């Protein structure tokens, strides 16, 4: 599936690897005084991959999302071509993830 204008899709799939959570820098405030004193603000993002139509697809969730290998997920989000981001696999920017195994729901709307 490859589109130029991403649309909201809903898929169900199995997780290939455990999710990783990292903090992405969003802003910096500092004062230069011989060295720079300051503070960095960021947001948490989760990243993992799923199997979809026989290939790996990277899923990015802008928040904390805990999933484990072999969990069954229902994902709602926008699909982007990996070529746009200079990677091999396609990307889904998720806004809702339902973990069927654990019964957890991760939703940005709430």
PDB file of N, CA and C in Angstrom:
ATOM      1  N   UNK A   1       0.857  -1.178   0.000  1.00  0.00           N
ATOM      2  CA  UNK A   1       0.000   0.000   0.000  1.00  0.00           C
ATOM      3  C   UNK A   1       0.898   1.235   0.000  1.00  0.00           C
ATOM      4  N   UNK A   2       0.765   2.082  -0.971  1.00  0.00           N
ATOM      5  CA  UNK A   2       1.589   3.271  -1.059  1.00  0.00           C
ATOM      6  C   UNK A   2       0.727   4.423  -1.536  1.00  0.00           C
ATOM      7  N   UNK A   3       0.699   5.490  -0.740  1.00  0.00           N
ATOM      8  CA  UNK A   3      -0.110   6.642  -1.099  1.00  0.00           C
ATOM      9  C   UNK A   3       0.698   7.914  -0.929  1.00  0.00           C
ATOM     10  N   UNK A   4       0.377   8.929  -1.726  1.00  0.00           N
ATOM     11  CA  UNK A   4       1.028  10.223  -1.573  1.00  0.00           C
ATOM     12  C   UNK A   4       0.356  11.045  -0.485  1.00  0.00           C
ATOM     13  N   UNK A   5      -0.965  10.985  -0.422  1.00  0.00           N
ATOM     14  CA  UNK A   5      -1.721  11.681   0.597  1.00  0.00           C
ATOM     15  C   UNK A   5      -2.226  10.646   1.596  1.00  0.00           C
ATOM     16  N   UNK A   6      -1.627  10.579   2.792  1.00  0.00           N
ATOM     17  CA  UNK A   6      -1.992   9.517   3.723  1.00  0.00           C
ATOM     18  C   UNK A   6      -3.436   9.627   4.179  1.00  0.00           C
ATOM     19  N   UNK A   7      -4.081   8.479   4.298  1.00  0.00           N
ATOM     20  CA  UNK A   7      -5.452   8.444   4.772  1.00  0.00           C
ATOM     21  C   UNK A   7      -5.502   7.562   6.016  1.00  0.00           C
ATOM     22  N   UNK A   8      -6.538   7.742   6.808  1.00  0.00           N
ATOM     23  CA  UNK A   8      -6.702   6.956   8.017  1.00  0.00           C
ATOM     24  C   UNK A   8      -7.047   5.518   7.625  1.00  0.00           C
ATOM     25  N   UNK A   9      -6.281   4.574   8.154  1.00  0.00           N
ATOM     26  CA  UNK A   9      -6.553   3.161   7.895  1.00  0.00           C
ATOM     27  C   UNK A   9      -6.727   2.445   9.221  1.00  0.00           C
ATOM     28  N   UNK A  10      -7.332   1.268   9.172  1.00  0.00           N
ATOM     29  CA  UNK A  10      -7.523   0.444  10.355  1.00  0.00           C
ATOM     30  C   UNK A  10      -7.121  -0.972   9.984  1.00  0.00           C
ATOM     31  N   UNK A  11      -6.097  -1.510  10.670  1.00  0.00           N
ATOM     32  CA  UNK A  11      -5.618  -2.858  10.371  1.00  0.00           C
ATOM     33  C   UNK A  11      -5.484  -3.657  11.663  1.00  0.00           C
ATOM     34  N   UNK A  12      -5.465  -4.972  11.517  1.00  0.00           N
ATOM     35  CA  UNK A  12      -5.216  -5.867  12.648  1.00  0.00           C
ATOM     36  C   UNK A  12      -4.014  -6.708  12.283  1.00  0.00           C
ATOM     37  N   UNK A  13      -3.057  -6.795  13.224  1.00  0.00           N
ATOM     38  CA  UNK A  13      -1.824  -7.499  12.928  1.00  0.00           C
ATOM     39  C   UNK A  13      -1.144  -7.956  14.201  1.00  0.00           C
ATOM     40  N   UNK A  14      -0.046  -8.711  14.015  1.00  0.00           N
ATOM     41  CA  UNK A  14       0.727  -9.238  15.131  1.00  0.00           C
ATOM     42  C   UNK A  14       2.048  -8.476  15.240  1.00  0.00           C
ATOM     43  N   UNK A  15       2.485  -8.231  16.467  1.00  0.00           N
ATOM     44  CA  UNK A  15       3.710  -7.477  16.736  1.00  0.00           C
ATOM     45  C   UNK A  15       4.926  -8.375  16.517  1.00  0.00           C
ATOM     46  N   UNK A  16       5.945  -7.850  15.835  1.00  0.00           N
ATOM     47  CA  UNK A  16       7.179  -8.598  15.578  1.00  0.00           C
ATOM     48  C   UNK A  16       8.224  -8.412  16.673  1.00  0.00           C
ATOM     49  N   UNK A  17       8.281  -7.223  17.286  1.00  0.00           N
ATOM     50  CA  UNK A  17       9.255  -6.935  18.351  1.00  0.00           C
ATOM     51  C   UNK A  17       8.584  -6.104  19.443  1.00  0.00           C
ATOM     52  N   UNK A  18       9.140  -6.159  20.658  1.00  0.00           N
ATOM     53  CA  UNK A  18       8.635  -5.350  21.757  1.00  0.00           C
ATOM     54  C   UNK A  18       8.771  -3.866  21.421  1.00  0.00           C
ATOM     55  N   UNK A  19       7.875  -3.066  21.984  1.00  0.00           N
ATOM     56  CA  UNK A  19       7.940  -1.626  21.712  1.00  0.00           C
ATOM     57  C   UNK A  19       9.117  -0.994  22.452  1.00  0.00           C
ATOM     58  N   UNK A  20       9.664   0.035  21.852  1.00  0.00           N
ATOM     59  CA  UNK A  20      10.739   0.834  22.452  1.00  0.00           C
ATOM     60  C   UNK A  20      10.191   2.242  22.641  1.00  0.00           C
ATOM     61  N   UNK A  21      10.479   2.828  23.799  1.00  0.00           N
ATOM     62  CA  UNK A  21      10.001   4.169  24.114  1.00  0.00           C
ATOM     63  C   UNK A  21      11.207   5.093  24.199  1.00  0.00           C
ATOM     64  N   UNK A  22      11.119   6.236  23.540  1.00  0.00           N
ATOM     65  CA  UNK A  22      12.205   7.210  23.577  1.00  0.00           C
ATOM     66  C   UNK A  22      11.617   8.607  23.711  1.00  0.00           C
ATOM     67  N   UNK A  23      12.456   9.533  24.126  1.00  0.00           N
ATOM     68  CA  UNK A  23      12.024  10.917  24.266  1.00  0.00           C
ATOM     69  C   UNK A  23      12.577  11.720  23.104  1.00  0.00           C
ATOM     70  N   UNK A  24      11.690  12.388  22.377  1.00  0.00           N
ATOM     71  CA  UNK A  24      12.079  13.214  21.233  1.00  0.00           C
ATOM     72  C   UNK A  24      12.121  14.662  21.694  1.00  0.00           C
ATOM     73  N   UNK A  25      13.224  15.334  21.426  1.00  0.00           N
ATOM     74  CA  UNK A  25      13.373  16.720  21.833  1.00  0.00           C
ATOM     75  C   UNK A  25      12.414  17.620  21.064  1.00  0.00           C
ATOM     76  N   UNK A  26      11.687  18.479  21.796  1.00  0.00           N
ATOM     77  CA  UNK A  26      10.754  19.398  21.147  1.00  0.00           C
ATOM     78  C   UNK A  26      11.196  20.848  21.259  1.00  0.00           C
ATOM     79  N   UNK A  27      11.889  21.197  22.349  1.00  0.00           N
ATOM     80  CA  UNK A  27      12.346  22.579  22.489  1.00  0.00           C
ATOM     81  C   UNK A  27      13.521  22.663  23.462  1.00  0.00           C
ATOM     82  N   UNK A  28      14.241  23.769  23.387  1.00  0.00           N
ATOM     83  CA  UNK A  28      15.409  24.002  24.236  1.00  0.00           C
ATOM     84  C   UNK A  28      15.435  25.464  24.642  1.00  0.00           C
ATOM     85  N   UNK A  29      15.728  25.698  25.900  1.00  0.00           N
ATOM     86  CA  UNK A  29      15.878  27.049  26.408  1.00  0.00           C
ATOM     87  C   UNK A  29      17.214  27.107  27.126  1.00  0.00           C
ATOM     88  N   UNK A  30      18.078  28.028  26.712  1.00  0.00           N
ATOM     89  CA  UNK A  30      19.402  28.079  27.312  1.00  0.00           C
ATOM     90  C   UNK A  30      19.977  29.476  27.350  1.00  0.00           C
ATOM     91  N   UNK A  31      20.970  29.629  28.219  1.00  0.00           N
ATOM     92  CA  UNK A  31      21.680  30.900  28.365  1.00  0.00           C
ATOM     93  C   UNK A  31      23.162  30.626  28.156  1.00  0.00           C
ATOM     94  N   UNK A  32      23.767  31.267  27.141  1.00  0.00           N
ATOM     95  CA  UNK A  32      25.201  31.064  26.946  1.00  0.00           C
ATOM     96  C   UNK A  32      26.016  31.901  27.943  1.00  0.00           C
ATOM     97  N   UNK A  33      26.779  31.234  28.772  1.00  0.00           N
ATOM     98  CA  UNK A  33      27.656  31.886  29.740  1.00  0.00           C
ATOM     99  C   UNK A  33      28.880  30.997  29.872  1.00  0.00           C
ATOM    100  N   UNK A  34      29.908  31.263  29.077  1.00  0.00           N
ATOM    101  CA  UNK A  34      31.101  30.440  28.887  1.00  0.00           C
ATOM    102  C   UNK A  34      30.695  29.073  28.324  1.00  0.00           C
ATOM    103  N   UNK A  35      29.801  28.385  29.007  1.00  0.00           N
ATOM    104  CA  UNK A  35      29.156  27.198  28.456  1.00  0.00           C
ATOM    105  C   UNK A  35      27.656  27.478  28.453  1.00  0.00           C
ATOM    106  N   UNK A  36      26.886  26.635  27.831  1.00  0.00           N
ATOM    107  CA  UNK A  36      25.443  26.880  27.735  1.00  0.00           C
ATOM    108  C   UNK A  36      24.731  26.159  28.876  1.00  0.00           C
ATOM    109  N   UNK A  37      23.993  26.940  29.671  1.00  0.00           N
ATOM    110  CA  UNK A  37      23.129  26.389  30.707  1.00  0.00           C
ATOM    111  C   UNK A  37      21.705  26.406  30.164  1.00  0.00           C
ATOM    112  N   UNK A  38      21.011  25.296  30.297  1.00  0.00           N
ATOM    113  CA  UNK A  38      19.658  25.289  29.755  1.00  0.00           C
ATOM    114  C   UNK A  38      18.888  24.047  30.115  1.00  0.00           C
ATOM    115  N   UNK A  39      17.736  23.938  29.496  1.00  0.00           N
ATOM    116  CA  UNK A  39      16.829  22.833  29.741  1.00  0.00           C
ATOM    117  C   UNK A  39      16.233  22.371  28.417  1.00  0.00           C
ATOM    118  N   UNK A  40      16.054  21.068  28.292  1.00  0.00           N
ATOM    119  CA  UNK A  40      15.489  20.472  27.091  1.00  0.00           C
ATOM    120  C   UNK A  40      14.121  19.889  27.439  1.00  0.00           C
ATOM    121  N   UNK A  41      13.118  20.184  26.597  1.00  0.00           N
ATOM    122  CA  UNK A  41      11.788  19.594  26.757  1.00  0.00           C
ATOM    123  C   UNK A  41      11.562  18.590  25.643  1.00  0.00           C
ATOM    124  N   UNK A  42      10.799  17.564  25.941  1.00  0.00           N
ATOM    125  CA  UNK A  42      10.554  16.559  24.926  1.00  0.00           C
ATOM    126  C   UNK A  42       9.220  15.867  25.112  1.00  0.00           C
ATOM    127  N   UNK A  43       8.906  15.008  24.151  1.00  0.00           N
ATOM    128  CA  UNK A  43       7.697  14.194  24.181  1.00  0.00           C
ATOM    129  C   UNK A  43       8.114  12.742  23.990  1.00  0.00           C
ATOM    130  N   UNK A  44       7.366  11.848  24.595  1.00  0.00           N
ATOM    131  CA  UNK A  44       7.647  10.432  24.461  1.00  0.00           C
ATOM    132  C   UNK A  44       6.979   9.870  23.214  1.00  0.00           C
ATOM    133  N   UNK A  45       7.679   8.953  22.554  1.00  0.00           N
ATOM    134  CA  UNK A  45       7.144   8.238  21.402  1.00  0.00           C
ATOM    135  C   UNK A  45       7.494   6.760  21.551  1.00  0.00           C
ATOM    136  N   UNK A  46       6.614   5.914  21.048  1.00  0.00           N
ATOM    137  CA  UNK A  46       6.847   4.470  21.056  1.00  0.00           C
ATOM    138  C   UNK A  46       7.005   3.999  19.617  1.00  0.00           C
ATOM    139  N   UNK A  47       7.887   3.038  19.425  1.00  0.00           N
ATOM    140  CA  UNK A  47       8.127   2.515  18.091  1.00  0.00           C
ATOM    141  C   UNK A  47       8.249   0.994  18.170  1.00  0.00           C
ATOM    142  N   UNK A  48       7.640   0.308  17.198  1.00  0.00           N
ATOM    143  CA  UNK A  48       7.732  -1.139  17.088  1.00  0.00           C
ATOM    144  C   UNK A  48       7.358  -1.515  15.661  1.00  0.00           C
ATOM    145  N   UNK A  49       7.482  -2.786  15.329  1.00  0.00           N
ATOM    146  CA  UNK A  49       7.118  -3.213  13.970  1.00  0.00           C
ATOM    147  C   UNK A  49       6.078  -4.327  14.045  1.00  0.00           C
ATOM    148  N   UNK A  50       5.276  -4.398  12.992  1.00  0.00           N
ATOM    149  CA  UNK A  50       4.240  -5.412  12.871  1.00  0.00           C
ATOM    150  C   UNK A  50       4.397  -6.123  11.536  1.00  0.00           C
ATOM    151  N   UNK A  51       3.743  -7.261  11.405  1.00  0.00           N
ATOM    152  CA  UNK A  51       3.701  -7.944  10.123  1.00  0.00           C
ATOM    153  C   UNK A  51       2.369  -7.618   9.461  1.00  0.00           C
ATOM    154  N   UNK A  52       2.429  -7.155   8.215  1.00  0.00           N
ATOM    155  CA  UNK A  52       1.217  -6.834   7.474  1.00  0.00           C
ATOM    156  C   UNK A  52       1.414  -7.253   6.030  1.00  0.00           C
ATOM    157  N   UNK A  53       0.564  -8.105   5.553  1.00  0.00           N
ATOM    158  CA  UNK A  53       0.632  -8.639   4.189  1.00  0.00           C
ATOM    159  C   UNK A  53       2.002  -9.236   3.868  1.00  0.00           C
ATOM    160  N   UNK A  54       2.574  -9.963   4.826  1.00  0.00           N
ATOM    161  CA  UNK A  54       3.836 -10.670   4.620  1.00  0.00           C
ATOM    162  C   UNK A  54       5.085  -9.824   4.687  1.00  0.00           C
ATOM    163  N   UNK A  55       4.969  -8.593   5.164  1.00  0.00           N
ATOM    164  CA  UNK A  55       6.169  -7.745   5.275  1.00  0.00           C
ATOM    165  C   UNK A  55       6.115  -6.946   6.576  1.00  0.00           C
ATOM    166  N   UNK A  56       7.254  -6.408   6.958  1.00  0.00           N
ATOM    167  CA  UNK A  56       7.351  -5.625   8.187  1.00  0.00           C
ATOM    168  C   UNK A  56       6.928  -4.185   7.939  1.00  0.00           C
ATOM    169  N   UNK A  57       6.177  -3.642   8.872  1.00  0.00           N
ATOM    170  CA  UNK A  57       5.743  -2.247   8.814  1.00  0.00           C
ATOM    171  C   UNK A  57       6.080  -1.616  10.163  1.00  0.00           C
ATOM    172  N   UNK A  58       6.717  -0.458  10.141  1.00  0.00           N
ATOM    173  CA  UNK A  58       7.084   0.251  11.361  1.00  0.00           C
ATOM    174  C   UNK A  58       5.882   1.060  11.847  1.00  0.00           C
ATOM    175  N   UNK A  59       5.607   0.976  13.162  1.00  0.00           N
ATOM    176  CA  UNK A  59       4.517   1.731  13.770  1.00  0.00           C
ATOM    177  C   UNK A  59       5.113   2.714  14.764  1.00  0.00           C
ATOM    178  N   UNK A  60       4.733   3.988  14.630  1.00  0.00           N
ATOM    179  CA  UNK A  60       5.152   5.029  15.571  1.00  0.00           C
ATOM    180  C   UNK A  60       3.902   5.557  16.259  1.00  0.00           C
ATOM    181  N   UNK A  61       3.919   5.533  17.590  1.00  0.00           N
ATOM    182  CA  UNK A  61       2.798   6.054  18.374  1.00  0.00           C
ATOM    183  C   UNK A  61       3.316   7.240  19.181  1.00  0.00           C
ATOM    184  N   UNK A  62       2.773   8.451  18.984  1.00  0.00           N
ATOM    185  CA  UNK A  62       3.259   9.637  19.706  1.00  0.00           C
ATOM    186  C   UNK A  62       2.759   9.651  21.151  1.00  0.00           C
ATOM    187  N   UNK A  63       3.345   8.818  21.956  1.00  0.00           N
ATOM    188  CA  UNK A  63       2.998   8.661  23.363  1.00  0.00           C
ATOM    189  C   UNK A  63       3.581   7.352  23.853  1.00  0.00           C
ATOM    190  N   UNK A  64       3.240   6.968  25.067  1.00  0.00           N
ATOM    191  CA  UNK A  64       3.737   5.719  25.615  1.00  0.00           C
ATOM    192  C   UNK A  64       2.755   4.602  25.272  1.00  0.00           C
ATOM    193  N   UNK A  65       3.255   3.572  24.606  1.00  0.00           N
ATOM    194  CA  UNK A  65       2.445   2.430  24.190  1.00  0.00           C
ATOM    195  C   UNK A  65       3.256   1.165  24.462  1.00  0.00           C
ATOM    196  N   UNK A  66       2.791   0.348  25.398  1.00  0.00           N
ATOM    197  CA  UNK A  66       3.514  -0.856  25.782  1.00  0.00           C
ATOM    198  C   UNK A  66       2.908  -2.064  25.079  1.00  0.00           C
ATOM    199  N   UNK A  67       3.662  -2.651  24.158  1.00  0.00           N
ATOM    200  CA  UNK A  67       3.244  -3.874  23.486  1.00  0.00           C
ATOM    201  C   UNK A  67       4.409  -4.856  23.504  1.00  0.00           C
ATOM    202  N   UNK A  68       4.089  -6.134  23.457  1.00  0.00           N
ATOM    203  CA  UNK A  68       5.099  -7.189  23.463  1.00  0.00           C
ATOM    204  C   UNK A  68       5.036  -7.994  22.178  1.00  0.00           C
ATOM    205  N   UNK A  69       6.115  -8.704  21.909  1.00  0.00           N
ATOM    206  CA  UNK A  69       6.181  -9.557  20.732  1.00  0.00           C
ATOM    207  C   UNK A  69       5.022 -10.548  20.759  1.00  0.00           C
ATOM    208  N   UNK A  70       4.431 -10.790  19.604  1.00  0.00           N
ATOM    209  CA  UNK A  70       3.323 -11.723  19.385  1.00  0.00           C
ATOM    210  C   UNK A  70       1.974 -11.229  19.897  1.00  0.00           C
ATOM    211  N   UNK A  71       1.871  -9.988  20.407  1.00  0.00           N
ATOM    212  CA  UNK A  71       0.563  -9.423  20.755  1.00  0.00           C
ATOM    213  C   UNK A  71      -0.221  -9.153  19.470  1.00  0.00           C
ATOM    214  N   UNK A  72      -1.530  -9.308  19.533  1.00  0.00           N
ATOM    215  CA  UNK A  72      -2.396  -8.982  18.409  1.00  0.00           C
ATOM    216  C   UNK A  72      -2.958  -7.589  18.632  1.00  0.00           C
ATOM    217  N   UNK A  73      -2.753  -6.707  17.652  1.00  0.00           N
ATOM    218  CA  UNK A  73      -3.158  -5.314  17.777  1.00  0.00           C
ATOM    219  C   UNK A  73      -4.141  -4.928  16.679  1.00  0.00           C
ATOM    220  N   UNK A  74      -5.012  -3.993  17.015  1.00  0.00           N
ATOM    221  CA  UNK A  74      -5.838  -3.325  16.010  1.00  0.00           C
ATOM    222  C   UNK A  74      -5.361  -1.876  16.011  1.00  0.00           C
ATOM    223  N   UNK A  75      -4.833  -1.426  14.876  1.00  0.00           N
ATOM    224  CA  UNK A  75      -4.177  -0.120  14.789  1.00  0.00           C
ATOM    225  C   UNK A  75      -4.963   0.783  13.855  1.00  0.00           C
ATOM    226  N   UNK A  76      -5.202   2.020  14.314  1.00  0.00           N
ATOM    227  CA  UNK A  76      -5.811   3.053  13.488  1.00  0.00           C
ATOM    228  C   UNK A  76      -4.799   4.178  13.356  1.00  0.00           C
ATOM    229  N   UNK A  77      -4.512   4.584  12.124  1.00  0.00           N
ATOM    230  CA  UNK A  77      -3.544   5.647  11.916  1.00  0.00           C
ATOM    231  C   UNK A  77      -3.342   5.951  10.448  1.00  0.00           C
ATOM    232  N   UNK A  78      -2.335   6.755  10.168  1.00  0.00           N
ATOM    233  CA  UNK A  78      -2.025   7.156   8.787  1.00  0.00           C
ATOM    234  C   UNK A  78      -0.841   6.351   8.267  1.00  0.00           C
ATOM    235  N   UNK A  79      -0.958   5.893   7.039  1.00  0.00           N
ATOM    236  CA  UNK A  79       0.052   5.071   6.377  1.00  0.00           C
ATOM    237  C   UNK A  79       0.918   5.962   5.504  1.00  0.00           C
ATOM    238  N   UNK A  80       2.243   5.838   5.668  1.00  0.00           N
ATOM    239  CA  UNK A  80       3.198   6.603   4.864  1.00  0.00           C
ATOM    240  C   UNK A  80       4.182   5.644   4.207  1.00  0.00           C
ATOM    241  N   UNK A  81       4.628   5.994   3.034  1.00  0.00           N
ATOM    242  CA  UNK A  81       5.647   5.211   2.343  1.00  0.00           C
ATOM    243  C   UNK A  81       6.992   5.426   3.021  1.00  0.00           C
ATOM    244  N   UNK A  82       7.738   4.346   3.212  1.00  0.00           N
ATOM    245  CA  UNK A  82       9.057   4.455   3.823  1.00  0.00           C
ATOM    246  C   UNK A  82      10.039   5.219   2.958  1.00  0.00           C
ATOM    247  N   UNK A  83       9.809   5.205   1.650  1.00  0.00           N
ATOM    248  CA  UNK A  83      10.708   5.928   0.740  1.00  0.00           C
ATOM    249  C   UNK A  83      10.722   7.420   1.041  1.00  0.00           C
ATOM    250  N   UNK A  84       9.596   7.932   1.507  1.00  0.00           N
ATOM    251  CA  UNK A  84       9.516   9.351   1.865  1.00  0.00           C
ATOM    252  C   UNK A  84      10.471   9.678   3.011  1.00  0.00           C
ATOM    253  N   UNK A  85      10.655   8.710   3.917  1.00  0.00           N
ATOM    254  CA  UNK A  85      11.526   8.902   5.079  1.00  0.00           C
ATOM    255  C   UNK A  85      12.875   8.223   4.912  1.00  0.00           C
ATOM    256  N   UNK A  86      13.139   7.750   3.692  1.00  0.00           N
ATOM    257  CA  UNK A  86      14.410   7.134   3.324  1.00  0.00           C
ATOM    258  C   UNK A  86      14.710   5.866   4.122  1.00  0.00           C
ATOM    259  N   UNK A  87      13.666   5.053   4.338  1.00  0.00           N
ATOM    260  CA  UNK A  87      13.841   3.744   4.939  1.00  0.00           C
ATOM    261  C   UNK A  87      13.145   2.716   4.056  1.00  0.00           C
ATOM    262  N   UNK A  88      13.463   1.451   4.262  1.00  0.00           N
ATOM    263  CA  UNK A  88      12.937   0.383   3.415  1.00  0.00           C
ATOM    264  C   UNK A  88      11.467   0.092   3.696  1.00  0.00           C
ATOM    265  N   UNK A  89      11.103   0.004   4.972  1.00  0.00           N
ATOM    266  CA  UNK A  89       9.749  -0.391   5.354  1.00  0.00           C
ATOM    267  C   UNK A  89       8.796   0.796   5.335  1.00  0.00           C
ATOM    268  N   UNK A  90       7.504   0.493   5.221  1.00  0.00           N
ATOM    269  CA  UNK A  90       6.483   1.526   5.313  1.00  0.00           C
ATOM    270  C   UNK A  90       6.257   1.890   6.779  1.00  0.00           C
ATOM    271  N   UNK A  91       5.567   3.018   6.999  1.00  0.00           N
ATOM    272  CA  UNK A  91       5.378   3.549   8.347  1.00  0.00           C
ATOM    273  C   UNK A  91       3.900   3.822   8.587  1.00  0.00           C
ATOM    274  N   UNK A  92       3.449   3.522   9.793  1.00  0.00           N
ATOM    275  CA  UNK A  92       2.116   3.922  10.237  1.00  0.00           C
ATOM    276  C   UNK A  92       2.305   4.843  11.438  1.00  0.00           C
ATOM    277  N   UNK A  93       1.746   6.049  11.365  1.00  0.00           N
ATOM    278  CA  UNK A  93       1.699   6.945  12.518  1.00  0.00           C
ATOM    279  C   UNK A  93       0.342   6.693  13.165  1.00  0.00           C
ATOM    280  N   UNK A  94       0.360   5.985  14.277  1.00  0.00           N
ATOM    281  CA  UNK A  94      -0.874   5.523  14.905  1.00  0.00           C
ATOM    282  C   UNK A  94      -1.469   6.580  15.828  1.00  0.00           C
ATOM    283  N   UNK A  95      -2.800   6.651  15.849  1.00  0.00           N
ATOM    284  CA  UNK A  95      -3.466   7.506  16.832  1.00  0.00           C
ATOM    285  C   UNK A  95      -4.334   6.684  17.779  1.00  0.00           C
ATOM    286  N   UNK A  96      -4.505   5.383  17.482  1.00  0.00           N
ATOM    287  CA  UNK A  96      -5.209   4.477  18.395  1.00  0.00           C
ATOM    288  C   UNK A  96      -4.675   3.065  18.206  1.00  0.00           C
ATOM    289  N   UNK A  97      -4.356   2.411  19.317  1.00  0.00           N
ATOM    290  CA  UNK A  97      -3.881   1.036  19.295  1.00  0.00           C
ATOM    291  C   UNK A  97      -4.659   0.249  20.339  1.00  0.00           C
ATOM    292  N   UNK A  98      -5.327  -0.821  19.890  1.00  0.00           N
ATOM    293  CA  UNK A  98      -6.047  -1.733  20.787  1.00  0.00           C
ATOM    294  C   UNK A  98      -5.232  -3.013  20.897  1.00  0.00           C
ATOM    295  N   UNK A  99      -4.749  -3.311  22.096  1.00  0.00           N
ATOM    296  CA  UNK A  99      -3.996  -4.535  22.337  1.00  0.00           C
ATOM    297  C   UNK A  99      -4.997  -5.613  22.740  1.00  0.00           C
ATOM    298  N   UNK A 100      -5.288  -6.542  21.832  1.00  0.00           N
ATOM    299  CA  UNK A 100      -6.293  -7.588  22.064  1.00  0.00           C
ATOM    300  C   UNK A 100      -5.854  -8.573  23.145  1.00  0.00           C
ATOM    301  N   UNK A 101      -4.543  -8.861  23.249  1.00  0.00           N
ATOM    302  CA  UNK A 101      -4.050  -9.827  24.231  1.00  0.00           C
ATOM    303  C   UNK A 101      -4.128  -9.288  25.655  1.00  0.00           C
ATOM    304  N   UNK A 102      -3.715  -8.049  25.849  1.00  0.00           N
ATOM    305  CA  UNK A 102      -3.678  -7.465  27.192  1.00  0.00           C
ATOM    306  C   UNK A 102      -4.958  -6.709  27.541  1.00  0.00           C
ATOM    307  N   UNK A 103      -5.784  -6.419  26.546  1.00  0.00           N
ATOM    308  CA  UNK A 103      -7.011  -5.655  26.804  1.00  0.00           C
ATOM    309  C   UNK A 103      -6.764  -4.176  27.046  1.00  0.00           C
ATOM    310  N   UNK A 104      -5.638  -3.661  26.558  1.00  0.00           N
ATOM    311  CA  UNK A 104      -5.291  -2.251  26.740  1.00  0.00           C
ATOM    312  C   UNK A 104      -5.637  -1.447  25.498  1.00  0.00           C
ATOM    313  N   UNK A 105      -6.021  -0.183  25.709  1.00  0.00           N
ATOM    314  CA  UNK A 105      -6.301   0.733  24.609  1.00  0.00           C
ATOM    315  C   UNK A 105      -5.442   1.971  24.787  1.00  0.00           C
ATOM    316  N   UNK A 106      -4.691   2.315  23.758  1.00  0.00           N
ATOM    317  CA  UNK A 106      -3.886   3.541  23.736  1.00  0.00           C
ATOM    318  C   UNK A 106      -4.513   4.455  22.698  1.00  0.00           C
ATOM    319  N   UNK A 107      -5.025   5.604  23.138  1.00  0.00           N
ATOM    320  CA  UNK A 107      -5.774   6.483  22.246  1.00  0.00           C
ATOM    321  C   UNK A 107      -5.354   7.925  22.481  1.00  0.00           C
ATOM    322  N   UNK A 108      -4.965   8.629  21.420  1.00  0.00           N
ATOM    323  CA  UNK A 108      -4.555  10.031  21.540  1.00  0.00           C
ATOM    324  C   UNK A 108      -5.745  10.966  21.715  1.00  0.00           C
ATOM    325  N   UNK A 109      -6.935  10.537  21.339  1.00  0.00           N
ATOM    326  CA  UNK A 109      -8.117  11.395  21.398  1.00  0.00           C
ATOM    327  C   UNK A 109      -8.614  11.601  22.824  1.00  0.00           C
ATOM    328  N   UNK A 110      -8.269  10.712  23.728  1.00  0.00           N
ATOM    329  CA  UNK A 110      -8.783  10.782  25.104  1.00  0.00           C
ATOM    330  C   UNK A 110      -7.863  11.531  26.010  1.00  0.00           C
TER     331      UNK A 110
END
